[in-house]
Amino acid sequence: MSSGAMDGPPEISGSPQFAVRTRTVPGGEVWFTCGQGWEFDSEGGKAFAIRMTMTPVNWEGELLLMPIQEELRTDPED
């Protein structure tokens, strides 16, 4: 393994800190939520774990990580 490589994916726990958003059509102006993201500390600094719950049709790969306001976060155990 090269230096800086991870032994495995990070353990994800707690409420997501980010909403993963993509366009409904390539180049369109409408975005929708298609997953969640968590920030974690890596040896090289901050990193992000992303869990996609769906992949849009005709997706060109562009996505946004949008912070979720604290009061809107939910506990995944609920």
Protein backbone atom coordinates (compact mmCIF):
# COMPACT_ATOMS: atom_id res chain seq x y z
CA MET A 1 0.00 0.00 0.00
CA SER A 2 1.29 3.49 -0.76
CA SER A 3 1.83 5.99 2.03
CA GLY A 4 -1.34 7.83 2.96
CA ALA A 5 -3.53 4.89 1.89
CA MET A 6 -6.31 3.91 4.27
CA ASP A 7 -6.65 0.46 5.82
CA GLY A 8 -10.39 0.58 5.22
CA PRO A 9 -13.32 2.96 5.18
CA PRO A 10 -13.86 5.10 8.27
CA GLU A 11 -16.55 4.12 10.74
CA ILE A 12 -19.58 6.32 10.19
CA SER A 13 -21.67 7.17 13.22
CA GLY A 14 -24.01 9.91 14.30
CA SER A 15 -26.10 12.23 12.24
CA PRO A 16 -24.75 13.28 8.84
CA GLN A 17 -23.23 16.76 8.71
CA PHE A 18 -23.79 17.25 4.98
CA ALA A 19 -26.48 16.62 2.39
CA VAL A 20 -25.16 15.28 -0.93
CA ARG A 21 -26.96 17.11 -3.72
CA THR A 22 -26.96 16.62 -7.49
CA ARG A 23 -28.72 18.25 -10.43
CA THR A 24 -31.94 16.66 -11.68
CA VAL A 25 -30.56 16.93 -15.26
CA PRO A 26 -27.03 17.79 -16.45
CA GLY A 27 -26.66 21.57 -16.51
CA GLY A 28 -30.08 22.08 -14.92
CA GLU A 29 -30.87 24.55 -12.17
CA VAL A 30 -32.79 22.16 -9.90
CA TRP A 31 -30.81 20.15 -7.30
CA PHE A 32 -32.05 17.30 -5.10
CA THR A 33 -30.65 15.38 -2.15
CA CYS A 34 -29.25 11.96 -3.08
CA GLY A 35 -27.16 11.08 -0.03
CA GLN A 36 -25.38 12.16 3.14
CA GLY A 37 -21.85 13.10 4.14
CA TRP A 38 -19.73 12.96 7.30
CA GLU A 39 -16.48 14.78 8.00
CA PHE A 40 -13.70 12.85 9.75
CA ASP A 41 -10.04 13.36 10.56
CA SER A 42 -7.54 11.53 8.40
CA GLU A 43 -3.75 11.35 8.71
CA GLY A 44 -3.55 13.94 5.93
CA GLY A 45 -6.18 16.27 7.42
CA LYS A 46 -9.92 16.52 7.05
CA ALA A 47 -11.69 14.01 4.83
CA PHE A 48 -15.28 13.15 3.96
CA ALA A 49 -17.26 9.92 3.87
CA ILE A 50 -20.14 10.05 1.40
CA ARG A 51 -23.05 7.64 1.29
CA MET A 52 -25.14 7.88 -1.85
CA THR A 53 -28.71 6.63 -1.40
CA MET A 54 -29.53 6.98 -5.10
CA THR A 55 -27.76 7.78 -8.36
CA PRO A 56 -29.55 10.15 -10.73
CA VAL A 57 -30.25 9.08 -14.32
CA ASN A 58 -27.82 10.76 -16.78
CA TRP A 59 -25.63 11.89 -13.87
CA GLU A 60 -22.45 13.58 -15.06
CA GLY A 61 -20.72 13.16 -11.66
CA GLU A 62 -21.13 16.68 -10.27
CA LEU A 63 -22.27 16.90 -6.65
CA LEU A 64 -22.38 19.38 -3.77
CA LEU A 65 -21.81 18.78 -0.06
CA MET A 66 -24.18 21.18 1.66
CA PRO A 67 -23.96 21.66 5.45
CA ILE A 68 -27.06 20.50 7.30
CA GLN A 69 -28.20 23.04 9.88
CA GLU A 70 -27.81 21.68 13.42
CA GLU A 71 -31.52 21.99 14.21
CA LEU A 72 -32.43 19.93 11.11
CA ARG A 73 -30.10 17.01 11.85
CA THR A 74 -31.75 13.77 12.87
CA ASP A 75 -30.38 10.86 14.86
CA PRO A 76 -30.00 7.83 12.52
CA GLU A 77 -31.06 5.62 15.45
CA ASP A 78 -34.59 7.17 15.38
